Amino acid sequence: MRIVLDPEPRTAEEIFSPADHRYLLETHDVAAYPGGSRDAFYADHLPGCDILISQQPMDTARLETAPRLKAIFNVETNFLPNIDYPTCFARGIHVLAPSGVFALPVAEMGLGMALSLARGIHSEHKLFLDAEERYGLEGNHDAELMTGSQIGFVGFGDLGRALHALLPGFRPAAVRVFDPWLPDAHLQRLGVTPASLEEVLAKSRFVFVVAAITTENAHLLNAGNLALMQDGASLILLSRAAVADFDAVAALTKAGRIRFATDVFPKEPVDRQDPIRTMPNTLFSPHRAGALHSALKEIGRRVIEDIGQIEKGLPPISCRRAERETVMRLRSKPIEKT
């Protein structure tokens, strides 16, 4: 198999373990982008390319120069609107992203954030550092147990399911899910209760926001529906910042109505003087929930697994496939390294 390798903004060393990288180079004819003119590099190598590991634009003209192409792996892990998807679907070219590698790391972080909001772990730590600690019951006057509580999800893809799998030990009284892309019966088979967005917000003590950003759900969480949340309930944002109206969230945290944790922000890096840094009743993480070396190395492992599937004439199973019905509705931002 002829493979064109251009993983920028990631690097081969970042996403492949030494053993996996060596295996890829020893078992396939790999042309790695050396820098310089991409147009020239792609003009030279796309005609003989079977597998493309790249998130560079692949418009109609470029695809026409790649008659042998079987699959495009986006190892940045987002489906970007820079590919002629209809042509790929028509020619049977798989467009793949190993996005599931981040589900468990982000899920664990989300669970930790929820527990910290519920028990004031981060806030009491800060008070202790400031020599203002509150001992015993005094430091727990607004704390609550997560065990036995009502839990809600906004979205229920890989991340939602990974987080749900961590919850049985907390014996939730109910787990409600709002996901308009999934049928109710499917959600029920996964052991959760389908619900409207309003029900999830109004009835949950902990709301995990794990929905991808699409053409339809920017500011899905807004002043109107966030006002339905219970006093002291926790909102944990783990997927994409654009799903929530941060001004509306800020208003509720300042009023002491809800507790809020987020791993993502409308603009990253966050400006040093951004007023978001002064929001009370909050827990911040600088978009690091999924950024583990082990998760990044899993990207390469899954790519190699699916290359093997394609070589055997079998469908890829380790990476997520772009779907013709939804891919052009996704609006994730490309990652930026700082």
C-alpha atoms as a PDB file:
ATOM      1  CA  MET A   1       0.000   0.000   0.000  1.00  0.00           C
ATOM      2  CA  ARG A   2       1.268   3.444  -0.929  1.00  0.00           C
ATOM      3  CA  ILE A   3       0.718   5.819   2.015  1.00  0.00           C
ATOM      4  CA  VAL A   4       1.106   9.594   1.995  1.00  0.00           C
ATOM      5  CA  LEU A   5       1.853  10.817   5.521  1.00  0.00           C
ATOM      6  CA  ASP A   6       1.222  14.484   6.334  1.00  0.00           C
ATOM      7  CA  PRO A   7      -0.257  14.621   9.871  1.00  0.00           C
ATOM      8  CA  GLU A   8       0.357  18.329  10.570  1.00  0.00           C
ATOM      9  CA  PRO A   9      -0.454  19.948  13.011  1.00  0.00           C
ATOM     10  CA  ARG A  10       0.401  16.673  14.687  1.00  0.00           C
ATOM     11  CA  THR A  11       3.656  14.829  14.065  1.00  0.00           C
ATOM     12  CA  ALA A  12       4.335  11.185  13.309  1.00  0.00           C
ATOM     13  CA  GLU A  13       6.319  10.930  16.552  1.00  0.00           C
ATOM     14  CA  GLU A  14       3.350  12.311  18.481  1.00  0.00           C
ATOM     15  CA  ILE A  15       0.736   9.878  17.186  1.00  0.00           C
ATOM     16  CA  PHE A  16       2.748   6.703  16.598  1.00  0.00           C
ATOM     17  CA  SER A  17       4.659   4.757  19.201  1.00  0.00           C
ATOM     18  CA  PRO A  18       8.196   3.924  18.032  1.00  0.00           C
ATOM     19  CA  ALA A  19       7.099   0.339  17.368  1.00  0.00           C
ATOM     20  CA  ASP A  20       4.002   1.373  15.415  1.00  0.00           C
ATOM     21  CA  HIS A  21       5.926   3.949  13.384  1.00  0.00           C
ATOM     22  CA  ARG A  22       8.581   1.366  12.547  1.00  0.00           C
ATOM     23  CA  TYR A  23       5.884  -1.144  11.567  1.00  0.00           C
ATOM     24  CA  LEU A  24       4.198   1.394   9.278  1.00  0.00           C
ATOM     25  CA  LEU A  25       7.468   2.221   7.518  1.00  0.00           C
ATOM     26  CA  GLU A  26       8.562  -1.418   7.199  1.00  0.00           C
ATOM     27  CA  THR A  27       5.273  -2.809   5.882  1.00  0.00           C
ATOM     28  CA  HIS A  28       4.167  -0.024   3.540  1.00  0.00           C
ATOM     29  CA  ASP A  29       5.559   2.344   0.953  1.00  0.00           C
ATOM     30  CA  VAL A  30       5.341   5.611   2.915  1.00  0.00           C
ATOM     31  CA  ALA A  31       5.925   9.061   1.454  1.00  0.00           C
ATOM     32  CA  ALA A  32       6.234  11.540   4.332  1.00  0.00           C
ATOM     33  CA  TYR A  33       5.739  15.237   3.686  1.00  0.00           C
ATOM     34  CA  PRO A  34       9.220  16.780   4.069  1.00  0.00           C
ATOM     35  CA  GLY A  35       8.179  20.424   4.234  1.00  0.00           C
ATOM     36  CA  GLY A  36       8.148  22.978   1.458  1.00  0.00           C
ATOM     37  CA  SER A  37       5.491  23.163  -1.235  1.00  0.00           C
ATOM     38  CA  ARG A  38       2.527  20.978  -0.423  1.00  0.00           C
ATOM     39  CA  ASP A  39       1.085  21.488  -3.897  1.00  0.00           C
ATOM     40  CA  ALA A  40       4.230  20.025  -5.417  1.00  0.00           C
ATOM     41  CA  PHE A  41       4.394  17.198  -2.881  1.00  0.00           C
ATOM     42  CA  TYR A  42       0.758  16.233  -3.447  1.00  0.00           C
ATOM     43  CA  ALA A  43       1.096  16.525  -7.219  1.00  0.00           C
ATOM     44  CA  ASP A  44       3.982  14.050  -7.056  1.00  0.00           C
ATOM     45  CA  HIS A  45       2.479  11.543  -4.656  1.00  0.00           C
ATOM     46  CA  LEU A  46      -1.327  11.559  -4.900  1.00  0.00           C
ATOM     47  CA  PRO A  47      -1.456   9.718  -8.255  1.00  0.00           C
ATOM     48  CA  GLY A  48      -0.038   6.573  -6.654  1.00  0.00           C
ATOM     49  CA  CYS A  49      -1.586   7.051  -3.212  1.00  0.00           C
ATOM     50  CA  ASP A  50      -3.789   4.350  -1.648  1.00  0.00           C
ATOM     51  CA  ILE A  51      -4.005   5.801   1.881  1.00  0.00           C
ATOM     52  CA  LEU A  52      -3.759   9.475   2.812  1.00  0.00           C
ATOM     53  CA  ILE A  53      -3.000  10.398   6.419  1.00  0.00           C
ATOM     54  CA  SER A  54      -3.653  14.117   6.328  1.00  0.00           C
ATOM     55  CA  GLN A  55      -6.173  16.823   7.141  1.00  0.00           C
ATOM     56  CA  GLN A  56      -5.090  19.112   4.318  1.00  0.00           C
ATOM     57  CA  PRO A  57      -7.768  20.267   1.848  1.00  0.00           C
ATOM     58  CA  MET A  58      -8.866  17.598  -0.606  1.00  0.00           C
ATOM     59  CA  ASP A  59     -11.085  19.344  -3.117  1.00  0.00           C
ATOM     60  CA  THR A  60     -12.409  17.883  -6.341  1.00  0.00           C
ATOM     61  CA  ALA A  61      -9.270  18.762  -8.290  1.00  0.00           C
ATOM     62  CA  ARG A  62      -6.954  17.031  -5.825  1.00  0.00           C
ATOM     63  CA  LEU A  63      -9.176  13.967  -5.596  1.00  0.00           C
ATOM     64  CA  GLU A  64      -9.124  13.654  -9.379  1.00  0.00           C
ATOM     65  CA  THR A  65      -5.337  13.239  -9.197  1.00  0.00           C
ATOM     66  CA  ALA A  66      -5.696  10.286  -6.783  1.00  0.00           C
ATOM     67  CA  PRO A  67      -7.457   7.498  -8.728  1.00  0.00           C
ATOM     68  CA  ARG A  68      -6.239   4.761  -6.359  1.00  0.00           C
ATOM     69  CA  LEU A  69      -7.239   6.503  -3.135  1.00  0.00           C
ATOM     70  CA  LYS A  70      -9.097   4.224  -0.709  1.00  0.00           C
ATOM     71  CA  ALA A  71      -9.102   6.210   2.536  1.00  0.00           C
ATOM     72  CA  ILE A  72      -8.313   9.574   4.103  1.00  0.00           C
ATOM     73  CA  PHE A  73      -7.383   9.521   7.791  1.00  0.00           C
ATOM     74  CA  ASN A  74      -7.792  12.828   9.613  1.00  0.00           C
ATOM     75  CA  VAL A  75      -5.487  12.346  12.604  1.00  0.00           C
ATOM     76  CA  GLU A  76      -6.315  15.806  13.920  1.00  0.00           C
ATOM     77  CA  THR A  77      -9.536  13.835  14.668  1.00  0.00           C
ATOM     78  CA  ASN A  78     -12.158  16.339  13.483  1.00  0.00           C
ATOM     79  CA  PHE A  79     -14.141  16.112  10.265  1.00  0.00           C
ATOM     80  CA  LEU A  80     -13.402  19.436   8.615  1.00  0.00           C
ATOM     81  CA  PRO A  81     -15.351  21.080   5.766  1.00  0.00           C
ATOM     82  CA  ASN A  82     -12.268  21.058   3.534  1.00  0.00           C
ATOM     83  CA  ILE A  83     -12.973  17.802   1.691  1.00  0.00           C
ATOM     84  CA  ASP A  84     -15.199  17.085  -1.301  1.00  0.00           C
ATOM     85  CA  TYR A  85     -17.234  14.552   0.656  1.00  0.00           C
ATOM     86  CA  PRO A  86     -19.772  13.826  -2.117  1.00  0.00           C
ATOM     87  CA  THR A  87     -16.948  12.738  -4.424  1.00  0.00           C
ATOM     88  CA  CYS A  88     -15.465  10.586  -1.659  1.00  0.00           C
ATOM     89  CA  PHE A  89     -18.811   8.917  -1.024  1.00  0.00           C
ATOM     90  CA  ALA A  90     -19.414   8.405  -4.741  1.00  0.00           C
ATOM     91  CA  ARG A  91     -15.994   6.770  -5.201  1.00  0.00           C
ATOM     92  CA  GLY A  92     -16.142   4.722  -2.007  1.00  0.00           C
ATOM     93  CA  ILE A  93     -13.266   6.591  -0.375  1.00  0.00           C
ATOM     94  CA  HIS A  94     -13.456   6.246   3.397  1.00  0.00           C
ATOM     95  CA  VAL A  95     -12.967   9.497   5.324  1.00  0.00           C
ATOM     96  CA  LEU A  96     -11.952   8.491   8.829  1.00  0.00           C
ATOM     97  CA  ALA A  97     -11.077  10.108  12.156  1.00  0.00           C
ATOM     98  CA  PRO A  98      -9.836   8.251  15.256  1.00  0.00           C
ATOM     99  CA  SER A  99     -11.748  10.674  17.478  1.00  0.00           C
ATOM    100  CA  GLY A 100     -12.794   7.974  19.925  1.00  0.00           C
ATOM    101  CA  VAL A 101      -9.302   7.904  21.438  1.00  0.00           C
ATOM    102  CA  PHE A 102     -10.149  10.962  23.520  1.00  0.00           C
ATOM    103  CA  ALA A 103     -13.470   9.711  24.879  1.00  0.00           C
ATOM    104  CA  LEU A 104     -12.206   7.959  28.023  1.00  0.00           C
ATOM    105  CA  PRO A 105      -9.604  10.585  29.044  1.00  0.00           C
ATOM    106  CA  VAL A 106     -12.185  13.361  28.700  1.00  0.00           C
ATOM    107  CA  ALA A 107     -14.826  11.270  30.456  1.00  0.00           C
ATOM    108  CA  GLU A 108     -12.548  10.720  33.460  1.00  0.00           C
ATOM    109  CA  MET A 109     -11.781  14.436  33.623  1.00  0.00           C
ATOM    110  CA  GLY A 110     -15.494  15.238  33.391  1.00  0.00           C
ATOM    111  CA  LEU A 111     -16.301  12.908  36.265  1.00  0.00           C
ATOM    112  CA  GLY A 112     -13.544  14.476  38.352  1.00  0.00           C
ATOM    113  CA  MET A 113     -14.844  17.964  37.597  1.00  0.00           C
ATOM    114  CA  ALA A 114     -18.369  16.973  38.604  1.00  0.00           C
ATOM    115  CA  LEU A 115     -17.130  15.556  41.907  1.00  0.00           C
ATOM    116  CA  SER A 116     -15.082  18.671  42.583  1.00  0.00           C
ATOM    117  CA  LEU A 117     -18.100  20.895  41.949  1.00  0.00           C
ATOM    118  CA  ALA A 118     -20.288  18.746  44.176  1.00  0.00           C
ATOM    119  CA  ARG A 119     -17.849  18.609  47.084  1.00  0.00           C
ATOM    120  CA  GLY A 120     -15.987  21.903  46.699  1.00  0.00           C
ATOM    121  CA  ILE A 121     -12.621  20.193  46.330  1.00  0.00           C
ATOM    122  CA  HIS A 122     -11.041  22.918  44.206  1.00  0.00           C
ATOM    123  CA  SER A 123     -12.623  25.839  46.056  1.00  0.00           C
ATOM    124  CA  GLU A 124     -11.738  24.576  49.532  1.00  0.00           C
ATOM    125  CA  HIS A 125      -8.189  23.890  48.357  1.00  0.00           C
ATOM    126  CA  LYS A 126      -7.909  27.551  47.335  1.00  0.00           C
ATOM    127  CA  LEU A 127      -9.250  28.680  50.717  1.00  0.00           C
ATOM    128  CA  PHE A 128      -6.696  26.468  52.446  1.00  0.00           C
ATOM    129  CA  LEU A 129      -3.846  28.027  50.470  1.00  0.00           C
ATOM    130  CA  ASP A 130      -5.145  31.430  51.518  1.00  0.00           C
ATOM    131  CA  ALA A 131      -5.256  30.281  55.188  1.00  0.00           C
ATOM    132  CA  GLU A 132      -9.040  30.656  55.153  1.00  0.00           C
ATOM    133  CA  GLU A 133      -9.958  26.973  55.333  1.00  0.00           C
ATOM    134  CA  ARG A 134     -13.246  25.864  56.826  1.00  0.00           C
ATOM    135  CA  TYR A 135     -13.136  22.672  58.850  1.00  0.00           C
ATOM    136  CA  GLY A 136     -15.781  19.940  59.010  1.00  0.00           C
ATOM    137  CA  LEU A 137     -19.393  20.810  58.379  1.00  0.00           C
ATOM    138  CA  GLU A 138     -18.599  24.490  57.908  1.00  0.00           C
ATOM    139  CA  GLY A 139     -16.743  23.636  54.700  1.00  0.00           C
ATOM    140  CA  ASN A 140     -19.589  21.491  53.408  1.00  0.00           C
ATOM    141  CA  HIS A 141     -22.672  23.646  53.826  1.00  0.00           C
ATOM    142  CA  ASP A 142     -23.373  23.652  50.060  1.00  0.00           C
ATOM    143  CA  ALA A 143     -21.849  20.247  49.205  1.00  0.00           C
ATOM    144  CA  GLU A 144     -23.837  17.273  47.949  1.00  0.00           C
ATOM    145  CA  LEU A 145     -23.367  13.636  46.990  1.00  0.00           C
ATOM    146  CA  MET A 146     -23.246  12.588  43.385  1.00  0.00           C
ATOM    147  CA  THR A 147     -24.353   9.112  44.397  1.00  0.00           C
ATOM    148  CA  GLY A 148     -28.071   8.593  43.902  1.00  0.00           C
ATOM    149  CA  SER A 149     -28.481  11.862  42.014  1.00  0.00           C
ATOM    150  CA  GLN A 150     -30.280  12.735  38.787  1.00  0.00           C
ATOM    151  CA  ILE A 151     -27.829  12.983  35.895  1.00  0.00           C
ATOM    152  CA  GLY A 152     -28.318  14.425  32.425  1.00  0.00           C
ATOM    153  CA  PHE A 153     -26.414  14.381  29.141  1.00  0.00           C
ATOM    154  CA  VAL A 154     -26.598  16.804  26.253  1.00  0.00           C
ATOM    155  CA  GLY A 155     -25.320  14.595  23.429  1.00  0.00           C
ATOM    156  CA  PHE A 156     -24.492  10.905  23.675  1.00  0.00           C
ATOM    157  CA  GLY A 157     -21.726   9.999  21.247  1.00  0.00           C
ATOM    158  CA  ASP A 158     -18.414   8.319  22.096  1.00  0.00           C
ATOM    159  CA  LEU A 159     -17.726  10.730  24.954  1.00  0.00           C
ATOM    160  CA  GLY A 160     -21.183  10.487  26.463  1.00  0.00           C
ATOM    161  CA  ARG A 161     -21.124   6.707  26.389  1.00  0.00           C
ATOM    162  CA  ALA A 162     -17.635   6.584  27.904  1.00  0.00           C
ATOM    163  CA  LEU A 163     -18.731   8.832  30.755  1.00  0.00           C
ATOM    164  CA  HIS A 164     -21.946   6.887  31.276  1.00  0.00           C
ATOM    165  CA  ALA A 165     -19.871   3.717  31.679  1.00  0.00           C
ATOM    166  CA  LEU A 166     -18.126   5.320  34.685  1.00  0.00           C
ATOM    167  CA  LEU A 167     -21.369   6.038  36.548  1.00  0.00           C
ATOM    168  CA  PRO A 168     -22.742   2.683  37.810  1.00  0.00           C
ATOM    169  CA  GLY A 169     -20.820   2.945  41.076  1.00  0.00           C
ATOM    170  CA  PHE A 170     -22.702   6.178  41.796  1.00  0.00           C
ATOM    171  CA  ARG A 171     -26.075   4.430  41.408  1.00  0.00           C
ATOM    172  CA  PRO A 172     -27.753   7.387  39.695  1.00  0.00           C
ATOM    173  CA  ALA A 173     -31.460   7.736  40.332  1.00  0.00           C
ATOM    174  CA  ALA A 174     -31.943   8.535  36.637  1.00  0.00           C
ATOM    175  CA  VAL A 175     -29.823   9.233  33.579  1.00  0.00           C
ATOM    176  CA  ARG A 176     -31.603  11.363  31.000  1.00  0.00           C
ATOM    177  CA  VAL A 177     -30.205  12.046  27.541  1.00  0.00           C
ATOM    178  CA  PHE A 178     -31.017  14.655  24.937  1.00  0.00           C
ATOM    179  CA  ASP A 179     -29.581  13.743  21.537  1.00  0.00           C
ATOM    180  CA  PRO A 180     -31.704  14.533  18.481  1.00  0.00           C
ATOM    181  CA  TRP A 181     -29.474  12.408  16.249  1.00  0.00           C
ATOM    182  CA  LEU A 182     -30.286   9.191  18.133  1.00  0.00           C
ATOM    183  CA  PRO A 183     -33.659   7.408  18.243  1.00  0.00           C
ATOM    184  CA  ASP A 184     -35.336   6.893  21.606  1.00  0.00           C
ATOM    185  CA  ALA A 185     -35.264   3.091  21.341  1.00  0.00           C
ATOM    186  CA  HIS A 186     -31.513   3.142  20.707  1.00  0.00           C
ATOM    187  CA  LEU A 187     -30.939   5.269  23.812  1.00  0.00           C
ATOM    188  CA  GLN A 188     -33.142   2.963  25.859  1.00  0.00           C
ATOM    189  CA  ARG A 189     -31.075  -0.035  24.756  1.00  0.00           C
ATOM    190  CA  LEU A 190     -28.009   1.831  26.032  1.00  0.00           C
ATOM    191  CA  GLY A 191     -29.646   2.031  29.444  1.00  0.00           C
ATOM    192  CA  VAL A 192     -30.575   5.718  29.501  1.00  0.00           C
ATOM    193  CA  THR A 193     -33.833   7.634  29.346  1.00  0.00           C
ATOM    194  CA  PRO A 194     -34.516   9.764  26.250  1.00  0.00           C
ATOM    195  CA  ALA A 195     -35.591  13.271  27.224  1.00  0.00           C
ATOM    196  CA  SER A 196     -36.044  16.742  25.860  1.00  0.00           C
ATOM    197  CA  LEU A 197     -33.346  19.331  26.440  1.00  0.00           C
ATOM    198  CA  GLU A 198     -35.668  21.117  28.839  1.00  0.00           C
ATOM    199  CA  GLU A 199     -36.193  17.931  30.871  1.00  0.00           C
ATOM    200  CA  VAL A 200     -32.474  17.259  31.068  1.00  0.00           C
ATOM    201  CA  LEU A 201     -31.761  20.766  32.332  1.00  0.00           C
ATOM    202  CA  ALA A 202     -34.690  21.007  34.731  1.00  0.00           C
ATOM    203  CA  LYS A 203     -34.468  17.568  36.337  1.00  0.00           C
ATOM    204  CA  SER A 204     -30.709  16.943  36.621  1.00  0.00           C
ATOM    205  CA  ARG A 205     -28.353  17.823  39.445  1.00  0.00           C
ATOM    206  CA  PHE A 206     -25.409  17.194  37.104  1.00  0.00           C
ATOM    207  CA  VAL A 207     -25.582  18.027  33.391  1.00  0.00           C
ATOM    208  CA  PHE A 208     -22.734  16.827  31.171  1.00  0.00           C
ATOM    209  CA  VAL A 209     -22.521  18.687  27.859  1.00  0.00           C
ATOM    210  CA  VAL A 210     -20.806  16.357  25.384  1.00  0.00           C
ATOM    211  CA  ALA A 211     -22.471  17.306  22.080  1.00  0.00           C
ATOM    212  CA  ALA A 212     -20.449  18.056  18.958  1.00  0.00           C
ATOM    213  CA  ILE A 213     -20.937  21.505  17.473  1.00  0.00           C
ATOM    214  CA  THR A 214     -23.079  21.467  14.339  1.00  0.00           C
ATOM    215  CA  THR A 215     -24.734  23.926  11.971  1.00  0.00           C
ATOM    216  CA  GLU A 216     -27.840  23.695  14.163  1.00  0.00           C
ATOM    217  CA  ASN A 217     -26.745  23.830  17.795  1.00  0.00           C
ATOM    218  CA  ALA A 218     -24.591  26.927  18.325  1.00  0.00           C
ATOM    219  CA  HIS A 219     -25.660  28.396  21.697  1.00  0.00           C
ATOM    220  CA  LEU A 220     -28.011  25.470  22.163  1.00  0.00           C
ATOM    221  CA  LEU A 221     -27.680  26.233  25.864  1.00  0.00           C
ATOM    222  CA  ASN A 222     -28.897  29.798  26.283  1.00  0.00           C
ATOM    223  CA  ALA A 223     -30.361  32.145  28.878  1.00  0.00           C
ATOM    224  CA  GLY A 224     -33.858  30.808  28.284  1.00  0.00           C
ATOM    225  CA  ASN A 225     -33.256  27.111  28.848  1.00  0.00           C
ATOM    226  CA  LEU A 226     -30.356  27.394  31.309  1.00  0.00           C
ATOM    227  CA  ALA A 227     -32.740  29.233  33.625  1.00  0.00           C
ATOM    228  CA  LEU A 228     -34.550  25.885  34.007  1.00  0.00           C
ATOM    229  CA  MET A 229     -31.630  24.414  35.939  1.00  0.00           C
ATOM    230  CA  GLN A 230     -32.101  23.731  39.637  1.00  0.00           C
ATOM    231  CA  ASP A 231     -30.458  25.990  42.200  1.00  0.00           C
ATOM    232  CA  GLY A 232     -26.956  24.694  42.892  1.00  0.00           C
ATOM    233  CA  ALA A 233     -26.991  22.192  40.008  1.00  0.00           C
ATOM    234  CA  SER A 234     -23.737  21.550  38.147  1.00  0.00           C
ATOM    235  CA  LEU A 235     -23.103  22.120  34.450  1.00  0.00           C
ATOM    236  CA  ILE A 236     -20.000  20.404  33.046  1.00  0.00           C
ATOM    237  CA  LEU A 237     -18.974  21.413  29.506  1.00  0.00           C
ATOM    238  CA  LEU A 238     -16.590  18.949  27.854  1.00  0.00           C
ATOM    239  CA  SER A 239     -17.155  19.048  24.107  1.00  0.00           C
ATOM    240  CA  ARG A 240     -17.188  22.399  22.290  1.00  0.00           C
ATOM    241  CA  ALA A 241     -17.610  25.892  23.742  1.00  0.00           C
ATOM    242  CA  ALA A 242     -19.929  27.067  20.965  1.00  0.00           C
ATOM    243  CA  VAL A 243     -22.697  24.791  22.271  1.00  0.00           C
ATOM    244  CA  ALA A 244     -23.180  27.156  25.213  1.00  0.00           C
ATOM    245  CA  ASP A 245     -23.785  30.898  25.515  1.00  0.00           C
ATOM    246  CA  PHE A 246     -20.991  31.769  27.945  1.00  0.00           C
ATOM    247  CA  ASP A 247     -22.574  35.115  28.806  1.00  0.00           C
ATOM    248  CA  ALA A 248     -25.722  33.319  29.945  1.00  0.00           C
ATOM    249  CA  VAL A 249     -23.671  30.819  31.943  1.00  0.00           C
ATOM    250  CA  ALA A 250     -21.699  33.663  33.552  1.00  0.00           C
ATOM    251  CA  ALA A 251     -24.894  35.392  34.605  1.00  0.00           C
ATOM    252  CA  LEU A 252     -26.116  32.264  36.389  1.00  0.00           C
ATOM    253  CA  THR A 253     -22.814  31.574  38.143  1.00  0.00           C
ATOM    254  CA  LYS A 254     -22.563  35.177  39.318  1.00  0.00           C
ATOM    255  CA  ALA A 255     -26.073  34.919  40.725  1.00  0.00           C
ATOM    256  CA  GLY A 256     -25.038  31.767  42.592  1.00  0.00           C
ATOM    257  CA  ARG A 257     -27.664  29.768  40.727  1.00  0.00           C
ATOM    258  CA  ILE A 258     -25.454  27.045  39.242  1.00  0.00           C
ATOM    259  CA  ARG A 259     -21.977  25.620  39.443  1.00  0.00           C
ATOM    260  CA  PHE A 260     -20.019  25.396  36.211  1.00  0.00           C
ATOM    261  CA  ALA A 261     -16.969  23.496  34.994  1.00  0.00           C
ATOM    262  CA  THR A 262     -15.498  23.703  31.511  1.00  0.00           C
ATOM    263  CA  ASP A 263     -12.552  22.325  29.579  1.00  0.00           C
ATOM    264  CA  VAL A 264     -13.270  24.470  26.494  1.00  0.00           C
ATOM    265  CA  PHE A 265     -13.619  28.192  25.815  1.00  0.00           C
ATOM    266  CA  PRO A 266     -15.024  30.423  23.058  1.00  0.00           C
ATOM    267  CA  LYS A 267     -11.531  31.731  22.301  1.00  0.00           C
ATOM    268  CA  GLU A 268      -8.362  29.789  23.020  1.00  0.00           C
ATOM    269  CA  PRO A 269      -5.947  30.649  24.447  1.00  0.00           C
ATOM    270  CA  VAL A 270      -8.105  32.715  26.772  1.00  0.00           C
ATOM    271  CA  ASP A 271      -6.986  36.345  26.988  1.00  0.00           C
ATOM    272  CA  ARG A 272      -5.212  37.131  30.260  1.00  0.00           C
ATOM    273  CA  GLN A 273      -7.722  39.883  31.029  1.00  0.00           C
ATOM    274  CA  ASP A 274     -10.815  37.983  29.888  1.00  0.00           C
ATOM    275  CA  PRO A 275     -13.583  38.515  32.481  1.00  0.00           C
ATOM    276  CA  ILE A 276     -14.345  34.797  32.284  1.00  0.00           C
ATOM    277  CA  ARG A 277     -11.422  34.323  34.681  1.00  0.00           C
ATOM    278  CA  THR A 278     -13.405  36.087  37.420  1.00  0.00           C
ATOM    279  CA  MET A 279     -16.548  33.945  37.145  1.00  0.00           C
ATOM    280  CA  PRO A 280     -17.494  32.583  40.589  1.00  0.00           C
ATOM    281  CA  ASN A 281     -18.712  29.033  41.283  1.00  0.00           C
ATOM    282  CA  THR A 282     -16.548  27.699  38.468  1.00  0.00           C
ATOM    283  CA  LEU A 283     -13.835  25.161  37.744  1.00  0.00           C
ATOM    284  CA  PHE A 284     -11.633  25.731  34.689  1.00  0.00           C
ATOM    285  CA  SER A 285      -9.404  23.369  32.711  1.00  0.00           C
ATOM    286  CA  PRO A 286      -7.457  24.779  29.722  1.00  0.00           C
ATOM    287  CA  HIS A 287      -8.597  22.319  27.032  1.00  0.00           C
ATOM    288  CA  ARG A 288      -6.416  19.562  28.424  1.00  0.00           C
ATOM    289  CA  ALA A 289      -8.905  16.819  29.263  1.00  0.00           C
ATOM    290  CA  GLY A 290      -7.980  14.614  26.322  1.00  0.00           C
ATOM    291  CA  ALA A 291      -4.357  15.679  25.923  1.00  0.00           C
ATOM    292  CA  LEU A 292      -2.601  12.551  27.162  1.00  0.00           C
ATOM    293  CA  HIS A 293       0.368  10.931  25.445  1.00  0.00           C
ATOM    294  CA  SER A 294      -1.384   7.588  25.699  1.00  0.00           C
ATOM    295  CA  ALA A 295      -4.416   8.923  23.844  1.00  0.00           C
ATOM    296  CA  LEU A 296      -2.283  10.441  21.091  1.00  0.00           C
ATOM    297  CA  LYS A 297      -0.392   7.180  20.585  1.00  0.00           C
ATOM    298  CA  GLU A 298      -3.755   5.416  20.306  1.00  0.00           C
ATOM    299  CA  ILE A 299      -4.426   7.562  17.205  1.00  0.00           C
ATOM    300  CA  GLY A 300      -1.626   5.820  15.342  1.00  0.00           C
ATOM    301  CA  ARG A 301      -2.613   2.409  16.620  1.00  0.00           C
ATOM    302  CA  ARG A 302      -6.177   2.790  15.337  1.00  0.00           C
ATOM    303  CA  VAL A 303      -5.012   4.120  11.983  1.00  0.00           C
ATOM    304  CA  ILE A 304      -2.789   1.066  11.530  1.00  0.00           C
ATOM    305  CA  GLU A 305      -5.650  -1.232  12.523  1.00  0.00           C
ATOM    306  CA  ASP A 306      -7.966   0.248   9.919  1.00  0.00           C
ATOM    307  CA  ILE A 307      -5.294   0.268   7.213  1.00  0.00           C
ATOM    308  CA  GLY A 308      -5.085  -3.469   7.866  1.00  0.00           C
ATOM    309  CA  GLN A 309      -8.849  -3.798   7.499  1.00  0.00           C
ATOM    310  CA  ILE A 310      -8.804  -1.919   4.197  1.00  0.00           C
ATOM    311  CA  GLU A 311      -5.941  -4.083   2.913  1.00  0.00           C
ATOM    312  CA  LYS A 312      -8.092  -7.148   3.558  1.00  0.00           C
ATOM    313  CA  GLY A 313     -11.032  -5.640   1.715  1.00  0.00           C
ATOM    314  CA  LEU A 314     -12.952  -5.199   4.977  1.00  0.00           C
ATOM    315  CA  PRO A 315     -14.613  -2.067   6.382  1.00  0.00           C
ATOM    316  CA  PRO A 316     -12.645   0.039   8.866  1.00  0.00           C
ATOM    317  CA  ILE A 317     -13.845  -0.415  12.436  1.00  0.00           C
ATOM    318  CA  SER A 318     -11.385   1.369  14.738  1.00  0.00           C
ATOM    319  CA  CYS A 319     -11.914   4.907  13.462  1.00  0.00           C
ATOM    320  CA  ARG A 320     -15.104   6.865  13.054  1.00  0.00           C
ATOM    321  CA  ARG A 321     -16.354   7.157   9.487  1.00  0.00           C
ATOM    322  CA  ALA A 322     -17.740  10.348   7.979  1.00  0.00           C
ATOM    323  CA  GLU A 323     -21.443   9.862   7.296  1.00  0.00           C
ATOM    324  CA  ARG A 324     -23.025  11.451   4.238  1.00  0.00           C
ATOM    325  CA  GLU A 325     -26.069  12.545   6.250  1.00  0.00           C
ATOM    326  CA  THR A 326     -24.201  14.426   8.972  1.00  0.00           C
ATOM    327  CA  VAL A 327     -20.601  15.234   8.064  1.00  0.00           C
ATOM    328  CA  MET A 328     -21.341  18.586   6.434  1.00  0.00           C
ATOM    329  CA  ARG A 329     -23.343  19.627   9.491  1.00  0.00           C
ATOM    330  CA  LEU A 330     -20.333  19.306  11.811  1.00  0.00           C
ATOM    331  CA  ARG A 331     -18.494  22.514  12.634  1.00  0.00           C
ATOM    332  CA  SER A 332     -15.502  21.644  14.803  1.00  0.00           C
ATOM    333  CA  LYS A 333     -12.601  24.065  14.730  1.00  0.00           C
ATOM    334  CA  PRO A 334      -9.211  22.771  13.603  1.00  0.00           C
ATOM    335  CA  ILE A 335      -6.815  22.305  16.494  1.00  0.00           C
ATOM    336  CA  GLU A 336      -4.146  24.951  16.946  1.00  0.00           C
ATOM    337  CA  LYS A 337      -0.867  24.300  18.695  1.00  0.00           C
ATOM    338  CA  THR A 338       0.550  27.114  20.797  1.00  0.00           C
END
